[in-house]
Structures are given as structure tokens and as C-alpha cells.
Amino acid sequence: MVEAKEGDTVKVHYKGMLENGEVFHDSKSNDQAPAELTLGEGNIIPGFEEAVKGMSPGDIITEDIFCEEAYGKRNEDLVDTIDRSELPEDLDPELGQQLQMKLQDGRQIPAVVTEKNESSIAIDANPPLAGHDLKFQIELIEIL
């Protein structure tokens, strides 16, 4: 039987869960098409990609992926407080709102507003799943 390997483009359905079983994504919900990815391109978390390698079409596995092989550990350097005077005058961010933050090297990254008061806002640029060990149920649909 053919097994998925580095360089293969594959189609998979998957359900992603937190350690407590809470589902954060289910590709079969709302009749979504299977996700298509090429193994080795780094477009998906490393642990997920490694789990798919060696699978054959029709295989269904459940894989625990530790945070280091998922979105990494939380980085407190990505949490900051910004004085409101540094924000555009017409911006009044809401809690939970995602903002684009410009780094010193010119790149932009998303950051979520976690606190706000009259004089400042707190933002967190960590990926939402950073610091979490994850569990994925993966079904390999086909190798293209």
C-alpha cells in the first residue's frame, strides 16, 4: 500500500482538540473540503505533518502533539502594554479584537487585545494555541 512521504501532496480531514477534549477545529463540519497540504513545505505544524507521514489513504489515526511540535510554548516577550497615545486617534480597540502590529524589522504580526483602560491597552501576539498540547484525529483521504 502507498504511504505518504516527504514531498507528497495529500488531502486530509482532521479534528483538532485541546487536552480537555474541547474541539477547536473539525474539517468535516459544514461539509468542508479536505485540507490539502504538501509534506515538507512547513505549512502546517510539525507534529501534524510528521503524523501524516507513513499513513495510507483510508487510514485514521489519533495523535497527541506536544506544544513544542505544535504552536510552541507561550512567549511572554509577545505580551505588551501600549500607551493609547501610540495608537491612531480613531482607533478604540475592543477586548478580543485582533490588531496588526508592525515589528521593528517591518514584518506585521497579529495581536489580540487582552486588556484596556483609559490610558493603555494590553496585547498578546502569541498564537491562540501556543502553550497547549493538542490531540488530532487525522484521516488521510488521498495522496495526489
C-alpha atoms as a PDB file:
ATOM      1  CA  MET A   1       0.000   0.000   0.000  1.00  0.00           C
ATOM      2  CA  VAL A   2       1.216   3.518  -0.812  1.00  0.00           C
ATOM      3  CA  GLU A   3       2.294   5.611   2.195  1.00  0.00           C
ATOM      4  CA  ALA A   4       2.514   9.397   2.437  1.00  0.00           C
ATOM      5  CA  LYS A   5       6.083  10.690   2.415  1.00  0.00           C
ATOM      6  CA  GLU A   6       8.052  13.945   2.279  1.00  0.00           C
ATOM      7  CA  GLY A   7       7.158  15.893  -0.877  1.00  0.00           C
ATOM      8  CA  ASP A   8       3.744  14.267  -1.341  1.00  0.00           C
ATOM      9  CA  THR A   9       0.654  16.436  -1.602  1.00  0.00           C
ATOM     10  CA  VAL A  10      -2.127  14.905   0.458  1.00  0.00           C
ATOM     11  CA  LYS A  11      -5.756  15.555   1.322  1.00  0.00           C
ATOM     12  CA  VAL A  12      -6.784  15.044   4.937  1.00  0.00           C
ATOM     13  CA  HIS A  13      -9.763  15.557   7.171  1.00  0.00           C
ATOM     14  CA  TYR A  14      -8.923  16.278  10.778  1.00  0.00           C
ATOM     15  CA  LYS A  15     -10.368  17.164  14.139  1.00  0.00           C
ATOM     16  CA  GLY A  16      -8.166  19.207  16.469  1.00  0.00           C
ATOM     17  CA  MET A  17      -8.761  19.055  20.222  1.00  0.00           C
ATOM     18  CA  LEU A  18      -7.301  20.536  23.371  1.00  0.00           C
ATOM     19  CA  GLU A  19      -6.152  18.243  26.180  1.00  0.00           C
ATOM     20  CA  ASN A  20      -9.580  18.500  27.835  1.00  0.00           C
ATOM     21  CA  GLY A  21     -11.276  17.242  24.648  1.00  0.00           C
ATOM     22  CA  GLU A  22     -12.625  20.633  23.545  1.00  0.00           C
ATOM     23  CA  VAL A  23     -12.700  20.703  19.729  1.00  0.00           C
ATOM     24  CA  PHE A  24     -11.084  23.791  18.224  1.00  0.00           C
ATOM     25  CA  HIS A  25     -11.381  22.707  14.578  1.00  0.00           C
ATOM     26  CA  ASP A  26     -13.207  19.974  12.692  1.00  0.00           C
ATOM     27  CA  SER A  27     -12.644  19.949   8.939  1.00  0.00           C
ATOM     28  CA  LYS A  28     -15.740  17.812   8.399  1.00  0.00           C
ATOM     29  CA  SER A  29     -18.043  20.417   9.929  1.00  0.00           C
ATOM     30  CA  ASN A  30     -20.172  22.379   7.477  1.00  0.00           C
ATOM     31  CA  ASP A  31     -19.216  19.949   4.698  1.00  0.00           C
ATOM     32  CA  GLN A  32     -15.748  21.482   4.304  1.00  0.00           C
ATOM     33  CA  ALA A  33     -13.455  20.032   1.666  1.00  0.00           C
ATOM     34  CA  PRO A  34     -10.461  18.082   2.966  1.00  0.00           C
ATOM     35  CA  ALA A  35      -7.354  20.137   3.721  1.00  0.00           C
ATOM     36  CA  GLU A  36      -4.652  19.854   1.064  1.00  0.00           C
ATOM     37  CA  LEU A  37      -1.002  20.116   2.057  1.00  0.00           C
ATOM     38  CA  THR A  38       2.409  19.189   0.753  1.00  0.00           C
ATOM     39  CA  LEU A  39       4.540  17.337   3.277  1.00  0.00           C
ATOM     40  CA  GLY A  40       7.844  19.072   3.900  1.00  0.00           C
ATOM     41  CA  GLU A  41       6.768  22.596   2.957  1.00  0.00           C
ATOM     42  CA  GLY A  42       6.240  23.619   6.583  1.00  0.00           C
ATOM     43  CA  ASN A  43       2.736  24.986   6.020  1.00  0.00           C
ATOM     44  CA  ILE A  44       1.299  23.085   8.975  1.00  0.00           C
ATOM     45  CA  ILE A  45       2.541  22.404  12.484  1.00  0.00           C
ATOM     46  CA  PRO A  46       5.488  19.960  12.537  1.00  0.00           C
ATOM     47  CA  GLY A  47       3.822  17.317  14.708  1.00  0.00           C
ATOM     48  CA  PHE A  48       0.801  17.116  12.412  1.00  0.00           C
ATOM     49  CA  GLU A  49       3.000  16.782   9.336  1.00  0.00           C
ATOM     50  CA  GLU A  50       5.057  14.009  10.967  1.00  0.00           C
ATOM     51  CA  ALA A  51       1.870  12.163  11.948  1.00  0.00           C
ATOM     52  CA  VAL A  52       0.669  12.110   8.319  1.00  0.00           C
ATOM     53  CA  LYS A  53       3.947  10.632   7.024  1.00  0.00           C
ATOM     54  CA  GLY A  54       3.563   6.878   6.747  1.00  0.00           C
ATOM     55  CA  MET A  55      -0.232   6.979   6.541  1.00  0.00           C
ATOM     56  CA  SER A  56      -2.055   5.339   3.618  1.00  0.00           C
ATOM     57  CA  PRO A  57      -5.325   6.511   2.059  1.00  0.00           C
ATOM     58  CA  GLY A  58      -8.211   5.460   4.300  1.00  0.00           C
ATOM     59  CA  ASP A  59      -6.083   5.403   7.463  1.00  0.00           C
ATOM     60  CA  ILE A  60      -7.472   7.197  10.509  1.00  0.00           C
ATOM     61  CA  ILE A  61      -5.164   7.897  13.452  1.00  0.00           C
ATOM     62  CA  THR A  62      -5.323   9.848  16.691  1.00  0.00           C
ATOM     63  CA  GLU A  63      -2.104  11.659  17.535  1.00  0.00           C
ATOM     64  CA  ASP A  64      -1.043  13.586  20.645  1.00  0.00           C
ATOM     65  CA  ILE A  65       1.111  16.562  19.673  1.00  0.00           C
ATOM     66  CA  PHE A  66       3.023  18.378  22.411  1.00  0.00           C
ATOM     67  CA  CYS A  67       3.125  22.165  22.286  1.00  0.00           C
ATOM     68  CA  GLU A  68       6.765  22.176  21.125  1.00  0.00           C
ATOM     69  CA  GLU A  69       5.692  20.342  17.944  1.00  0.00           C
ATOM     70  CA  ALA A  70       2.532  22.442  17.573  1.00  0.00           C
ATOM     71  CA  TYR A  71       2.441  26.214  18.130  1.00  0.00           C
ATOM     72  CA  GLY A  72       5.280  26.335  20.652  1.00  0.00           C
ATOM     73  CA  LYS A  73       5.355  27.467  24.246  1.00  0.00           C
ATOM     74  CA  ARG A  74       3.857  30.816  25.211  1.00  0.00           C
ATOM     75  CA  ASN A  75       6.384  33.610  24.859  1.00  0.00           C
ATOM     76  CA  GLU A  76       5.858  36.374  27.417  1.00  0.00           C
ATOM     77  CA  ASP A  77       8.000  38.676  25.237  1.00  0.00           C
ATOM     78  CA  LEU A  78       4.996  38.720  22.874  1.00  0.00           C
ATOM     79  CA  VAL A  79       2.771  40.236  25.567  1.00  0.00           C
ATOM     80  CA  ASP A  80       2.979  44.011  25.855  1.00  0.00           C
ATOM     81  CA  THR A  81       1.212  47.107  27.117  1.00  0.00           C
ATOM     82  CA  ILE A  82       0.843  50.014  24.708  1.00  0.00           C
ATOM     83  CA  ASP A  83       0.081  53.570  25.693  1.00  0.00           C
ATOM     84  CA  ARG A  84      -3.057  54.762  23.906  1.00  0.00           C
ATOM     85  CA  SER A  85      -1.138  57.840  22.695  1.00  0.00           C
ATOM     86  CA  GLU A  86       0.825  55.451  20.416  1.00  0.00           C
ATOM     87  CA  LEU A  87      -2.386  54.279  18.687  1.00  0.00           C
ATOM     88  CA  PRO A  88      -4.088  56.065  15.801  1.00  0.00           C
ATOM     89  CA  GLU A  89      -6.562  58.622  17.183  1.00  0.00           C
ATOM     90  CA  ASP A  90      -9.548  56.959  15.531  1.00  0.00           C
ATOM     91  CA  LEU A  91      -8.740  53.507  16.984  1.00  0.00           C
ATOM     92  CA  ASP A  92     -10.658  52.393  20.079  1.00  0.00           C
ATOM     93  CA  PRO A  93      -9.887  48.656  20.220  1.00  0.00           C
ATOM     94  CA  GLU A  94     -12.279  46.226  21.884  1.00  0.00           C
ATOM     95  CA  LEU A  95     -11.310  43.296  24.092  1.00  0.00           C
ATOM     96  CA  GLY A  96     -10.594  40.285  21.888  1.00  0.00           C
ATOM     97  CA  GLN A  97     -10.071  42.418  18.783  1.00  0.00           C
ATOM     98  CA  GLN A  98      -7.170  41.379  16.583  1.00  0.00           C
ATOM     99  CA  LEU A  99      -4.781  44.142  15.550  1.00  0.00           C
ATOM    100  CA  GLN A 100      -1.827  44.043  13.156  1.00  0.00           C
ATOM    101  CA  MET A 101       1.360  45.037  14.957  1.00  0.00           C
ATOM    102  CA  LYS A 102       4.376  46.228  12.992  1.00  0.00           C
ATOM    103  CA  LEU A 103       7.698  44.841  14.205  1.00  0.00           C
ATOM    104  CA  GLN A 104      10.955  46.785  14.098  1.00  0.00           C
ATOM    105  CA  ASP A 105      12.066  44.749  11.066  1.00  0.00           C
ATOM    106  CA  GLY A 106       8.913  45.799   9.172  1.00  0.00           C
ATOM    107  CA  ARG A 107       7.028  42.491   9.448  1.00  0.00           C
ATOM    108  CA  GLN A 108       3.469  42.548  10.722  1.00  0.00           C
ATOM    109  CA  ILE A 109       2.025  40.044  13.165  1.00  0.00           C
ATOM    110  CA  PRO A 110      -1.474  39.660  14.593  1.00  0.00           C
ATOM    111  CA  ALA A 111      -2.013  40.554  18.250  1.00  0.00           C
ATOM    112  CA  VAL A 112      -5.165  40.273  20.363  1.00  0.00           C
ATOM    113  CA  VAL A 113      -6.299  42.982  22.763  1.00  0.00           C
ATOM    114  CA  THR A 114      -6.457  41.331  26.199  1.00  0.00           C
ATOM    115  CA  GLU A 115      -6.988  44.355  28.486  1.00  0.00           C
ATOM    116  CA  LYS A 116      -7.801  48.014  28.097  1.00  0.00           C
ATOM    117  CA  ASN A 117      -8.215  51.081  30.249  1.00  0.00           C
ATOM    118  CA  GLU A 118      -8.258  54.855  29.768  1.00  0.00           C
ATOM    119  CA  SER A 119      -4.507  55.137  29.213  1.00  0.00           C
ATOM    120  CA  SER A 120      -3.322  51.858  27.683  1.00  0.00           C
ATOM    121  CA  ILE A 121      -4.141  48.512  26.091  1.00  0.00           C
ATOM    122  CA  ALA A 122      -2.538  45.121  26.654  1.00  0.00           C
ATOM    123  CA  ILE A 123      -1.899  42.897  23.632  1.00  0.00           C
ATOM    124  CA  ASP A 124      -0.837  39.290  23.175  1.00  0.00           C
ATOM    125  CA  ALA A 125       0.842  38.241  19.914  1.00  0.00           C
ATOM    126  CA  ASN A 126       1.188  34.562  20.854  1.00  0.00           C
ATOM    127  CA  PRO A 127      -0.724  32.177  18.600  1.00  0.00           C
ATOM    128  CA  PRO A 128      -4.006  31.307  20.367  1.00  0.00           C
ATOM    129  CA  LEU A 129      -2.957  27.653  20.768  1.00  0.00           C
ATOM    130  CA  ALA A 130       0.601  28.402  21.962  1.00  0.00           C
ATOM    131  CA  GLY A 131       1.421  26.511  25.141  1.00  0.00           C
ATOM    132  CA  HIS A 132      -1.212  23.837  24.560  1.00  0.00           C
ATOM    133  CA  ASP A 133      -0.626  20.156  23.960  1.00  0.00           C
ATOM    134  CA  LEU A 134      -3.034  19.089  21.222  1.00  0.00           C
ATOM    135  CA  LYS A 135      -4.732  15.934  20.013  1.00  0.00           C
ATOM    136  CA  PHE A 136      -5.622  15.395  16.362  1.00  0.00           C
ATOM    137  CA  GLN A 137      -7.776  12.751  14.739  1.00  0.00           C
ATOM    138  CA  ILE A 138      -6.442  12.587  11.173  1.00  0.00           C
ATOM    139  CA  GLU A 139      -7.956  10.789   8.198  1.00  0.00           C
ATOM    140  CA  LEU A 140      -5.819  10.534   5.064  1.00  0.00           C
ATOM    141  CA  ILE A 141      -8.246  10.863   2.157  1.00  0.00           C
ATOM    142  CA  GLU A 142      -5.801  10.651  -0.731  1.00  0.00           C
ATOM    143  CA  ILE A 143      -2.238  11.140  -1.906  1.00  0.00           C
ATOM    144  CA  LEU A 144      -2.240  13.296  -5.024  1.00  0.00           C
END
